[in-house]
Amino acid sequence: MQLAVSPAKHMTGILMGAKTQDSHGKPFVLVVPDVSMYDPAMSDILIPVGHFIEAGFTVNHRIPSQANENRFSLKAVPLYGGSITTPDSTTIIVMEYAQHTWSSPAI
């Protein structure tokens, strides 16, 4: 996917994805429903979580101290931050939590 940077315009049919990995370490492109924001000066893509929930995703924000409650080992996932589950429940992405911010793991 190539990023296009220009003044904001209303466009239909634009598809954006964020490269990440699933809970088994397999590369996964998380297709962003509806709206997102990209700033070339930033290393991150900001995605409104509400759009994922509206699209049927399950989003569970957690902090590392809750890893054991969710059956994750901090040794295996030291930055455990909860999960995003796809609407069909076939893919789980384990989020990372650091500096009071949640993110999907980069690949």
PDB file of N, CA and C in Angstrom:
ATOM      1  N   MET A   1       0.834  -1.161   0.000  1.00  0.00           N
ATOM      2  CA  MET A   1       0.000   0.000   0.000  1.00  0.00           C
ATOM      3  C   MET A   1       0.885   1.232   0.000  1.00  0.00           C
ATOM      4  N   GLN A   2       0.554   2.196  -0.812  1.00  0.00           N
ATOM      5  CA  GLN A   2       1.278   3.454  -0.884  1.00  0.00           C
ATOM      6  C   GLN A   2       0.455   4.539  -0.207  1.00  0.00           C
ATOM      7  N   LEU A   3       1.111   5.398   0.531  1.00  0.00           N
ATOM      8  CA  LEU A   3       0.424   6.496   1.187  1.00  0.00           C
ATOM      9  C   LEU A   3       0.329   7.678   0.240  1.00  0.00           C
ATOM     10  N   ALA A   4      -0.805   8.348   0.261  1.00  0.00           N
ATOM     11  CA  ALA A   4      -0.997   9.554  -0.530  1.00  0.00           C
ATOM     12  C   ALA A   4      -1.147  10.708   0.443  1.00  0.00           C
ATOM     13  N   VAL A   5      -0.346  11.736   0.291  1.00  0.00           N
ATOM     14  CA  VAL A   5      -0.396  12.878   1.178  1.00  0.00           C
ATOM     15  C   VAL A   5      -0.717  14.109   0.343  1.00  0.00           C
ATOM     16  N   SER A   6      -1.808  14.774   0.700  1.00  0.00           N
ATOM     17  CA  SER A   6      -2.228  15.985   0.005  1.00  0.00           C
ATOM     18  C   SER A   6      -3.277  16.672   0.869  1.00  0.00           C
ATOM     19  N   PRO A   7      -3.772  17.833   0.436  1.00  0.00           N
ATOM     20  CA  PRO A   7      -4.852  18.465   1.202  1.00  0.00           C
ATOM     21  C   PRO A   7      -6.053  17.518   1.302  1.00  0.00           C
ATOM     22  N   ALA A   8      -6.794  17.617   2.410  1.00  0.00           N
ATOM     23  CA  ALA A   8      -7.939  16.732   2.645  1.00  0.00           C
ATOM     24  C   ALA A   8      -9.003  16.916   1.568  1.00  0.00           C
ATOM     25  N   LYS A   9      -9.549  15.795   1.104  1.00  0.00           N
ATOM     26  CA  LYS A   9     -10.611  15.784   0.109  1.00  0.00           C
ATOM     27  C   LYS A   9     -11.558  14.663   0.456  1.00  0.00           C
ATOM     28  N   HIS A  10     -12.838  14.827   0.124  1.00  0.00           N
ATOM     29  CA  HIS A  10     -13.793  13.745   0.318  1.00  0.00           C
ATOM     30  C   HIS A  10     -13.608  12.748  -0.822  1.00  0.00           C
ATOM     31  N   MET A  11     -13.337  11.502  -0.490  1.00  0.00           N
ATOM     32  CA  MET A  11     -13.102  10.489  -1.507  1.00  0.00           C
ATOM     33  C   MET A  11     -13.847   9.227  -1.109  1.00  0.00           C
ATOM     34  N   THR A  12     -14.383   8.546  -2.054  1.00  0.00           N
ATOM     35  CA  THR A  12     -15.043   7.279  -1.776  1.00  0.00           C
ATOM     36  C   THR A  12     -14.185   6.152  -2.321  1.00  0.00           C
ATOM     37  N   GLY A  13     -14.316   4.995  -1.725  1.00  0.00           N
ATOM     38  CA  GLY A  13     -13.593   3.830  -2.223  1.00  0.00           C
ATOM     39  C   GLY A  13     -12.154   3.754  -1.777  1.00  0.00           C
ATOM     40  N   ILE A  14     -11.758   4.565  -0.789  1.00  0.00           N
ATOM     41  CA  ILE A  14     -10.386   4.521  -0.294  1.00  0.00           C
ATOM     42  C   ILE A  14     -10.303   3.451   0.787  1.00  0.00           C
ATOM     43  N   LEU A  15      -9.319   2.605   0.679  1.00  0.00           N
ATOM     44  CA  LEU A  15      -9.126   1.525   1.638  1.00  0.00           C
ATOM     45  C   LEU A  15      -7.769   1.708   2.304  1.00  0.00           C
ATOM     46  N   MET A  16      -7.771   1.641   3.609  1.00  0.00           N
ATOM     47  CA  MET A  16      -6.519   1.801   4.332  1.00  0.00           C
ATOM     48  C   MET A  16      -6.309   0.592   5.223  1.00  0.00           C
ATOM     49  N   GLY A  17      -5.086   0.140   5.295  1.00  0.00           N
ATOM     50  CA  GLY A  17      -4.766  -0.985   6.166  1.00  0.00           C
ATOM     51  C   GLY A  17      -3.538  -0.687   6.995  1.00  0.00           C
ATOM     52  N   ALA A  18      -3.490  -1.306   8.151  1.00  0.00           N
ATOM     53  CA  ALA A  18      -2.333  -1.163   9.035  1.00  0.00           C
ATOM     54  C   ALA A  18      -1.656  -2.525   9.139  1.00  0.00           C
ATOM     55  N   LYS A  19      -0.362  -2.586   8.805  1.00  0.00           N
ATOM     56  CA  LYS A  19       0.366  -3.846   8.922  1.00  0.00           C
ATOM     57  C   LYS A  19       0.607  -4.153  10.390  1.00  0.00           C
ATOM     58  N   THR A  20       0.261  -5.363  10.780  1.00  0.00           N
ATOM     59  CA  THR A  20       0.454  -5.796  12.152  1.00  0.00           C
ATOM     60  C   THR A  20       0.667  -7.303  12.140  1.00  0.00           C
ATOM     61  N   GLN A  21       0.454  -7.955  13.258  1.00  0.00           N
ATOM     62  CA  GLN A  21       0.544  -9.414  13.311  1.00  0.00           C
ATOM     63  C   GLN A  21      -0.546  -9.928  14.235  1.00  0.00           C
ATOM     64  N   ASP A  22      -0.970 -11.166  13.991  1.00  0.00           N
ATOM     65  CA  ASP A  22      -1.995 -11.756  14.844  1.00  0.00           C
ATOM     66  C   ASP A  22      -1.364 -12.343  16.100  1.00  0.00           C
ATOM     67  N   SER A  23      -2.186 -12.948  16.946  1.00  0.00           N
ATOM     68  CA  SER A  23      -1.699 -13.470  18.225  1.00  0.00           C
ATOM     69  C   SER A  23      -0.726 -14.633  18.080  1.00  0.00           C
ATOM     70  N   HIS A  24      -0.589 -15.171  16.864  1.00  0.00           N
ATOM     71  CA  HIS A  24       0.359 -16.262  16.607  1.00  0.00           C
ATOM     72  C   HIS A  24       1.622 -15.768  15.898  1.00  0.00           C
ATOM     73  N   GLY A  25       1.734 -14.439  15.718  1.00  0.00           N
ATOM     74  CA  GLY A  25       2.900 -13.862  15.062  1.00  0.00           C
ATOM     75  C   GLY A  25       2.816 -13.839  13.554  1.00  0.00           C
ATOM     76  N   LYS A  26       1.678 -14.233  12.996  1.00  0.00           N
ATOM     77  CA  LYS A  26       1.494 -14.244  11.546  1.00  0.00           C
ATOM     78  C   LYS A  26       1.175 -12.827  11.062  1.00  0.00           C
ATOM     79  N   PRO A  27       1.863 -12.347  10.001  1.00  0.00           N
ATOM     80  CA  PRO A  27       1.571 -11.008   9.470  1.00  0.00           C
ATOM     81  C   PRO A  27       0.092 -10.877   9.105  1.00  0.00           C
ATOM     82  N   PHE A  28      -0.459  -9.722   9.395  1.00  0.00           N
ATOM     83  CA  PHE A  28      -1.880  -9.475   9.167  1.00  0.00           C
ATOM     84  C   PHE A  28      -2.073  -8.008   8.806  1.00  0.00           C
ATOM     85  N   VAL A  29      -2.917  -7.734   7.810  1.00  0.00           N
ATOM     86  CA  VAL A  29      -3.262  -6.358   7.469  1.00  0.00           C
ATOM     87  C   VAL A  29      -4.630  -6.077   8.076  1.00  0.00           C
ATOM     88  N   LEU A  30      -4.650  -5.180   9.028  1.00  0.00           N
ATOM     89  CA  LEU A  30      -5.877  -4.780   9.703  1.00  0.00           C
ATOM     90  C   LEU A  30      -6.515  -3.680   8.862  1.00  0.00           C
ATOM     91  N   VAL A  31      -7.585  -4.031   8.144  1.00  0.00           N
ATOM     92  CA  VAL A  31      -8.252  -3.057   7.287  1.00  0.00           C
ATOM     93  C   VAL A  31      -9.023  -2.097   8.173  1.00  0.00           C
ATOM     94  N   VAL A  32      -8.755  -0.826   7.993  1.00  0.00           N
ATOM     95  CA  VAL A  32      -9.331   0.210   8.835  1.00  0.00           C
ATOM     96  C   VAL A  32     -10.707   0.597   8.303  1.00  0.00           C
ATOM     97  N   PRO A  33     -11.758   0.382   9.116  1.00  0.00           N
ATOM     98  CA  PRO A  33     -13.087   0.763   8.664  1.00  0.00           C
ATOM     99  C   PRO A  33     -13.276   2.272   8.691  1.00  0.00           C
ATOM    100  N   ASP A  34     -13.798   2.813   7.628  1.00  0.00           N
ATOM    101  CA  ASP A  34     -14.242   4.199   7.558  1.00  0.00           C
ATOM    102  C   ASP A  34     -13.116   5.223   7.611  1.00  0.00           C
ATOM    103  N   VAL A  35     -12.820   5.776   8.781  1.00  0.00           N
ATOM    104  CA  VAL A  35     -11.979   6.963   8.876  1.00  0.00           C
ATOM    105  C   VAL A  35     -10.714   6.692   9.680  1.00  0.00           C
ATOM    106  N   SER A  36      -9.616   7.287   9.240  1.00  0.00           N
ATOM    107  CA  SER A  36      -8.383   7.239  10.009  1.00  0.00           C
ATOM    108  C   SER A  36      -7.589   8.489   9.679  1.00  0.00           C
ATOM    109  N   MET A  37      -6.420   8.631  10.303  1.00  0.00           N
ATOM    110  CA  MET A  37      -5.616   9.815  10.075  1.00  0.00           C
ATOM    111  C   MET A  37      -4.165   9.400   9.946  1.00  0.00           C
ATOM    112  N   TYR A  38      -3.471  10.010   9.006  1.00  0.00           N
ATOM    113  CA  TYR A  38      -2.047   9.732   8.845  1.00  0.00           C
ATOM    114  C   TYR A  38      -1.310  11.056   8.720  1.00  0.00           C
ATOM    115  N   ASP A  39      -0.250  11.198   9.462  1.00  0.00           N
ATOM    116  CA  ASP A  39       0.598  12.376   9.396  1.00  0.00           C
ATOM    117  C   ASP A  39       1.995  11.877   9.063  1.00  0.00           C
ATOM    118  N   PRO A  40       2.555  12.279   7.915  1.00  0.00           N
ATOM    119  CA  PRO A  40       3.881  11.769   7.538  1.00  0.00           C
ATOM    120  C   PRO A  40       4.977  12.117   8.536  1.00  0.00           C
ATOM    121  N   ALA A  41       4.761  13.104   9.399  1.00  0.00           N
ATOM    122  CA  ALA A  41       5.761  13.457  10.401  1.00  0.00           C
ATOM    123  C   ALA A  41       5.709  12.505  11.594  1.00  0.00           C
ATOM    124  N   MET A  42       4.648  11.700  11.673  1.00  0.00           N
ATOM    125  CA  MET A  42       4.501  10.757  12.781  1.00  0.00           C
ATOM    126  C   MET A  42       4.786   9.348  12.283  1.00  0.00           C
ATOM    127  N   SER A  43       5.207   8.499  13.196  1.00  0.00           N
ATOM    128  CA  SER A  43       5.476   7.111  12.809  1.00  0.00           C
ATOM    129  C   SER A  43       4.234   6.239  12.964  1.00  0.00           C
ATOM    130  N   ASP A  44       3.158   6.794  13.525  1.00  0.00           N
ATOM    131  CA  ASP A  44       1.973   6.010  13.821  1.00  0.00           C
ATOM    132  C   ASP A  44       0.772   6.444  12.993  1.00  0.00           C
ATOM    133  N   ILE A  45      -0.139   5.518  12.814  1.00  0.00           N
ATOM    134  CA  ILE A  45      -1.425   5.802  12.196  1.00  0.00           C
ATOM    135  C   ILE A  45      -2.434   5.870  13.332  1.00  0.00           C
ATOM    136  N   LEU A  46      -3.202   6.932  13.399  1.00  0.00           N
ATOM    137  CA  LEU A  46      -4.212   7.068  14.443  1.00  0.00           C
ATOM    138  C   LEU A  46      -5.544   6.546  13.913  1.00  0.00           C
ATOM    139  N   ILE A  47      -6.128   5.610  14.639  1.00  0.00           N
ATOM    140  CA  ILE A  47      -7.362   4.971  14.198  1.00  0.00           C
ATOM    141  C   ILE A  47      -8.417   5.124  15.289  1.00  0.00           C
ATOM    142  N   PRO A  48      -9.576   5.717  14.962  1.00  0.00           N
ATOM    143  CA  PRO A  48     -10.633   5.814  15.957  1.00  0.00           C
ATOM    144  C   PRO A  48     -11.186   4.422  16.287  1.00  0.00           C
ATOM    145  N   VAL A  49     -11.063   4.012  17.539  1.00  0.00           N
ATOM    146  CA  VAL A  49     -11.496   2.685  17.956  1.00  0.00           C
ATOM    147  C   VAL A  49     -12.994   2.497  17.748  1.00  0.00           C
ATOM    148  N   GLY A  50     -13.767   3.552  17.908  1.00  0.00           N
ATOM    149  CA  GLY A  50     -15.213   3.459  17.720  1.00  0.00           C
ATOM    150  C   GLY A  50     -15.597   2.904  16.363  1.00  0.00           C
ATOM    151  N   HIS A  51     -14.831   3.225  15.338  1.00  0.00           N
ATOM    152  CA  HIS A  51     -15.129   2.707  13.999  1.00  0.00           C
ATOM    153  C   HIS A  51     -14.957   1.195  13.942  1.00  0.00           C
ATOM    154  N   PHE A  52     -13.969   0.666  14.657  1.00  0.00           N
ATOM    155  CA  PHE A  52     -13.801  -0.791  14.709  1.00  0.00           C
ATOM    156  C   PHE A  52     -14.987  -1.440  15.423  1.00  0.00           C
ATOM    157  N   ILE A  53     -15.383  -0.854  16.540  1.00  0.00           N
ATOM    158  CA  ILE A  53     -16.509  -1.416  17.297  1.00  0.00           C
ATOM    159  C   ILE A  53     -17.783  -1.367  16.462  1.00  0.00           C
ATOM    160  N   GLU A  54     -18.038  -0.245  15.788  1.00  0.00           N
ATOM    161  CA  GLU A  54     -19.214  -0.122  14.922  1.00  0.00           C
ATOM    162  C   GLU A  54     -19.189  -1.138  13.787  1.00  0.00           C
ATOM    163  N   ALA A  55     -17.996  -1.516  13.349  1.00  0.00           N
ATOM    164  CA  ALA A  55     -17.852  -2.481  12.244  1.00  0.00           C
ATOM    165  C   ALA A  55     -17.890  -3.926  12.735  1.00  0.00           C
ATOM    166  N   GLY A  56     -18.097  -4.139  14.045  1.00  0.00           N
ATOM    167  CA  GLY A  56     -18.239  -5.495  14.558  1.00  0.00           C
ATOM    168  C   GLY A  56     -17.007  -6.093  15.204  1.00  0.00           C
ATOM    169  N   PHE A  57     -15.920  -5.337  15.289  1.00  0.00           N
ATOM    170  CA  PHE A  57     -14.718  -5.819  15.968  1.00  0.00           C
ATOM    171  C   PHE A  57     -14.960  -5.780  17.478  1.00  0.00           C
ATOM    172  N   THR A  58     -14.270  -6.626  18.213  1.00  0.00           N
ATOM    173  CA  THR A  58     -14.281  -6.577  19.668  1.00  0.00           C
ATOM    174  C   THR A  58     -12.940  -6.003  20.102  1.00  0.00           C
ATOM    175  N   VAL A  59     -12.978  -4.902  20.835  1.00  0.00           N
ATOM    176  CA  VAL A  59     -11.764  -4.230  21.277  1.00  0.00           C
ATOM    177  C   VAL A  59     -11.738  -4.253  22.801  1.00  0.00           C
ATOM    178  N   ASN A  60     -10.699  -4.862  23.343  1.00  0.00           N
ATOM    179  CA  ASN A  60     -10.532  -4.964  24.792  1.00  0.00           C
ATOM    180  C   ASN A  60      -9.237  -4.284  25.199  1.00  0.00           C
ATOM    181  N   HIS A  61      -9.351  -3.088  25.761  1.00  0.00           N
ATOM    182  CA  HIS A  61      -8.174  -2.386  26.265  1.00  0.00           C
ATOM    183  C   HIS A  61      -7.813  -2.934  27.637  1.00  0.00           C
ATOM    184  N   ARG A  62      -6.559  -3.274  27.820  1.00  0.00           N
ATOM    185  CA  ARG A  62      -6.053  -3.764  29.094  1.00  0.00           C
ATOM    186  C   ARG A  62      -4.682  -3.132  29.331  1.00  0.00           C
ATOM    187  N   ILE A  63      -4.139  -3.356  30.513  1.00  0.00           N
ATOM    188  CA  ILE A  63      -2.782  -2.915  30.824  1.00  0.00           C
ATOM    189  C   ILE A  63      -1.974  -4.151  31.225  1.00  0.00           C
ATOM    190  N   PRO A  64      -0.654  -4.082  31.163  1.00  0.00           N
ATOM    191  CA  PRO A  64       0.154  -5.277  31.415  1.00  0.00           C
ATOM    192  C   PRO A  64      -0.176  -6.020  32.708  1.00  0.00           C
ATOM    193  N   SER A  65      -0.539  -5.318  33.762  1.00  0.00           N
ATOM    194  CA  SER A  65      -0.836  -6.012  35.026  1.00  0.00           C
ATOM    195  C   SER A  65      -2.079  -6.898  34.916  1.00  0.00           C
ATOM    196  N   GLN A  66      -2.853  -6.778  33.845  1.00  0.00           N
ATOM    197  CA  GLN A  66      -4.036  -7.608  33.638  1.00  0.00           C
ATOM    198  C   GLN A  66      -3.773  -8.789  32.697  1.00  0.00           C
ATOM    199  N   ALA A  67      -2.540  -8.983  32.294  1.00  0.00           N
ATOM    200  CA  ALA A  67      -2.213 -10.049  31.344  1.00  0.00           C
ATOM    201  C   ALA A  67      -2.632 -11.423  31.845  1.00  0.00           C
ATOM    202  N   ASN A  68      -2.321 -11.743  33.088  1.00  0.00           N
ATOM    203  CA  ASN A  68      -2.667 -13.060  33.629  1.00  0.00           C
ATOM    204  C   ASN A  68      -4.174 -13.296  33.633  1.00  0.00           C
ATOM    205  N   GLU A  69      -4.962 -12.256  33.903  1.00  0.00           N
ATOM    206  CA  GLU A  69      -6.432 -12.375  33.882  1.00  0.00           C
ATOM    207  C   GLU A  69      -6.925 -12.828  32.513  1.00  0.00           C
ATOM    208  N   ASN A  70      -6.194 -12.429  31.466  1.00  0.00           N
ATOM    209  CA  ASN A  70      -6.578 -12.759  30.100  1.00  0.00           C
ATOM    210  C   ASN A  70      -5.759 -13.902  29.512  1.00  0.00           C
ATOM    211  N   ARG A  71      -5.117 -14.673  30.397  1.00  0.00           N
ATOM    212  CA  ARG A  71      -4.346 -15.863  30.014  1.00  0.00           C
ATOM    213  C   ARG A  71      -3.145 -15.561  29.111  1.00  0.00           C
ATOM    214  N   PHE A  72      -2.492 -14.439  29.367  1.00  0.00           N
ATOM    215  CA  PHE A  72      -1.265 -14.102  28.652  1.00  0.00           C
ATOM    216  C   PHE A  72      -0.137 -13.993  29.664  1.00  0.00           C
ATOM    217  N   SER A  73       1.027 -14.426  29.273  1.00  0.00           N
ATOM    218  CA  SER A  73       2.208 -14.344  30.117  1.00  0.00           C
ATOM    219  C   SER A  73       2.959 -13.056  29.793  1.00  0.00           C
ATOM    220  N   LEU A  74       3.327 -12.307  30.822  1.00  0.00           N
ATOM    221  CA  LEU A  74       4.124 -11.098  30.578  1.00  0.00           C
ATOM    222  C   LEU A  74       5.504 -11.434  30.037  1.00  0.00           C
ATOM    223  N   LYS A  75       5.972 -12.661  30.267  1.00  0.00           N
ATOM    224  CA  LYS A  75       7.248 -13.073  29.670  1.00  0.00           C
ATOM    225  C   LYS A  75       7.105 -13.164  28.157  1.00  0.00           C
ATOM    226  N   ALA A  76       5.966 -13.670  27.697  1.00  0.00           N
ATOM    227  CA  ALA A  76       5.719 -13.810  26.253  1.00  0.00           C
ATOM    228  C   ALA A  76       5.276 -12.487  25.626  1.00  0.00           C
ATOM    229  N   VAL A  77       4.498 -11.697  26.371  1.00  0.00           N
ATOM    230  CA  VAL A  77       3.950 -10.441  25.850  1.00  0.00           C
ATOM    231  C   VAL A  77       4.179  -9.348  26.903  1.00  0.00           C
ATOM    232  N   PRO A  78       5.400  -8.827  27.005  1.00  0.00           N
ATOM    233  CA  PRO A  78       5.725  -7.888  28.076  1.00  0.00           C
ATOM    234  C   PRO A  78       4.955  -6.563  28.020  1.00  0.00           C
ATOM    235  N   LEU A  79       4.492  -6.175  26.852  1.00  0.00           N
ATOM    236  CA  LEU A  79       3.738  -4.923  26.711  1.00  0.00           C
ATOM    237  C   LEU A  79       2.249  -5.193  26.520  1.00  0.00           C
ATOM    238  N   TYR A  80       1.746  -6.304  27.082  1.00  0.00           N
ATOM    239  CA  TYR A  80       0.355  -6.696  26.891  1.00  0.00           C
ATOM    240  C   TYR A  80      -0.599  -5.521  27.106  1.00  0.00           C
ATOM    241  N   GLY A  81      -1.481  -5.307  26.116  1.00  0.00           N
ATOM    242  CA  GLY A  81      -2.423  -4.193  26.193  1.00  0.00           C
ATOM    243  C   GLY A  81      -3.835  -4.557  25.790  1.00  0.00           C
ATOM    244  N   GLY A  82      -4.176  -5.839  25.828  1.00  0.00           N
ATOM    245  CA  GLY A  82      -5.520  -6.244  25.431  1.00  0.00           C
ATOM    246  C   GLY A  82      -5.527  -6.779  24.016  1.00  0.00           C
ATOM    247  N   SER A  83      -6.712  -6.758  23.390  1.00  0.00           N
ATOM    248  CA  SER A  83      -6.802  -7.379  22.067  1.00  0.00           C
ATOM    249  C   SER A  83      -7.862  -6.738  21.191  1.00  0.00           C
ATOM    250  N   ILE A  84      -7.709  -6.999  19.905  1.00  0.00           N
ATOM    251  CA  ILE A  84      -8.710  -6.650  18.891  1.00  0.00           C
ATOM    252  C   ILE A  84      -9.062  -7.966  18.205  1.00  0.00           C
ATOM    253  N   THR A  85     -10.345  -8.301  18.192  1.00  0.00           N
ATOM    254  CA  THR A  85     -10.803  -9.526  17.540  1.00  0.00           C
ATOM    255  C   THR A  85     -11.648  -9.142  16.334  1.00  0.00           C
ATOM    256  N   THR A  86     -11.383  -9.765  15.194  1.00  0.00           N
ATOM    257  CA  THR A  86     -12.123  -9.468  13.969  1.00  0.00           C
ATOM    258  C   THR A  86     -13.587  -9.889  14.116  1.00  0.00           C
ATOM    259  N   PRO A  87     -14.482  -9.289  13.317  1.00  0.00           N
ATOM    260  CA  PRO A  87     -15.909  -9.611  13.435  1.00  0.00           C
ATOM    261  C   PRO A  87     -16.239 -11.094  13.285  1.00  0.00           C
ATOM    262  N   ASP A  88     -15.450 -11.829  12.498  1.00  0.00           N
ATOM    263  CA  ASP A  88     -15.721 -13.261  12.323  1.00  0.00           C
ATOM    264  C   ASP A  88     -15.029 -14.111  13.399  1.00  0.00           C
ATOM    265  N   SER A  89     -14.379 -13.456  14.345  1.00  0.00           N
ATOM    266  CA  SER A  89     -13.684 -14.099  15.479  1.00  0.00           C
ATOM    267  C   SER A  89     -12.565 -15.049  15.071  1.00  0.00           C
ATOM    268  N   THR A  90     -12.057 -14.929  13.850  1.00  0.00           N
ATOM    269  CA  THR A  90     -10.993 -15.828  13.398  1.00  0.00           C
ATOM    270  C   THR A  90      -9.593 -15.276  13.658  1.00  0.00           C
ATOM    271  N   THR A  91      -9.485 -13.960  13.884  1.00  0.00           N
ATOM    272  CA  THR A  91      -8.167 -13.359  14.081  1.00  0.00           C
ATOM    273  C   THR A  91      -8.179 -12.488  15.323  1.00  0.00           C
ATOM    274  N   ILE A  92      -7.161 -12.684  16.152  1.00  0.00           N
ATOM    275  CA  ILE A  92      -6.984 -11.864  17.350  1.00  0.00           C
ATOM    276  C   ILE A  92      -5.635 -11.167  17.243  1.00  0.00           C
ATOM    277  N   ILE A  93      -5.650  -9.876  17.452  1.00  0.00           N
ATOM    278  CA  ILE A  93      -4.427  -9.079  17.466  1.00  0.00           C
ATOM    279  C   ILE A  93      -4.205  -8.646  18.910  1.00  0.00           C
ATOM    280  N   VAL A  94      -3.056  -8.974  19.460  1.00  0.00           N
ATOM    281  CA  VAL A  94      -2.734  -8.584  20.832  1.00  0.00           C
ATOM    282  C   VAL A  94      -2.091  -7.204  20.778  1.00  0.00           C
ATOM    283  N   MET A  95      -2.742  -6.236  21.425  1.00  0.00           N
ATOM    284  CA  MET A  95      -2.234  -4.870  21.424  1.00  0.00           C
ATOM    285  C   MET A  95      -1.096  -4.713  22.432  1.00  0.00           C
ATOM    286  N   GLU A  96      -0.300  -3.692  22.205  1.00  0.00           N
ATOM    287  CA  GLU A  96       0.778  -3.345  23.117  1.00  0.00           C
ATOM    288  C   GLU A  96       0.386  -2.078  23.868  1.00  0.00           C
ATOM    289  N   TYR A  97       0.806  -1.990  25.116  1.00  0.00           N
ATOM    290  CA  TYR A  97       0.530  -0.811  25.934  1.00  0.00           C
ATOM    291  C   TYR A  97       1.843  -0.264  26.459  1.00  0.00           C
ATOM    292  N   ALA A  98       2.143   0.981  26.123  1.00  0.00           N
ATOM    293  CA  ALA A  98       3.366   1.633  26.600  1.00  0.00           C
ATOM    294  C   ALA A  98       3.131   3.135  26.618  1.00  0.00           C
ATOM    295  N   GLN A  99       3.637   3.792  27.629  1.00  0.00           N
ATOM    296  CA  GLN A  99       3.523   5.236  27.782  1.00  0.00           C
ATOM    297  C   GLN A  99       2.074   5.720  27.672  1.00  0.00           C
ATOM    298  N   HIS A 100       1.165   4.973  28.321  1.00  0.00           N
ATOM    299  CA  HIS A 100      -0.260   5.313  28.401  1.00  0.00           C
ATOM    300  C   HIS A 100      -0.957   5.294  27.044  1.00  0.00           C
ATOM    301  N   THR A 101      -0.425   4.490  26.107  1.00  0.00           N
ATOM    302  CA  THR A 101      -0.974   4.436  24.748  1.00  0.00           C
ATOM    303  C   THR A 101      -1.047   2.993  24.280  1.00  0.00           C
ATOM    304  N   TRP A 102      -2.143   2.631  23.610  1.00  0.00           N
ATOM    305  CA  TRP A 102      -2.302   1.317  23.029  1.00  0.00           C
ATOM    306  C   TRP A 102      -1.912   1.368  21.559  1.00  0.00           C
ATOM    307  N   SER A 103      -1.303   0.284  21.083  1.00  0.00           N
ATOM    308  CA  SER A 103      -0.971   0.187  19.658  1.00  0.00           C
ATOM    309  C   SER A 103      -0.980  -1.271  19.243  1.00  0.00           C
ATOM    310  N   SER A 104      -1.116  -1.473  17.942  1.00  0.00           N
ATOM    311  CA  SER A 104      -0.992  -2.847  17.436  1.00  0.00           C
ATOM    312  C   SER A 104       0.491  -3.101  17.181  1.00  0.00           C
ATOM    313  N   PRO A 105       0.924  -4.351  17.318  1.00  0.00           N
ATOM    314  CA  PRO A 105       2.359  -4.631  17.139  1.00  0.00           C
ATOM    315  C   PRO A 105       2.801  -4.367  15.705  1.00  0.00           C
ATOM    316  N   ALA A 106       3.900  -3.678  15.571  1.00  0.00           N
ATOM    317  CA  ALA A 106       4.456  -3.398  14.247  1.00  0.00           C
ATOM    318  C   ALA A 106       5.230  -4.610  13.747  1.00  0.00           C
ATOM    319  N   ILE A 107       5.244  -4.768  12.434  1.00  0.00           N
ATOM    320  CA  ILE A 107       6.056  -5.833  11.848  1.00  0.00           C
ATOM    321  C   ILE A 107       7.052  -5.240  10.886  1.00  0.00           C
TER     322      ILE A 107
END
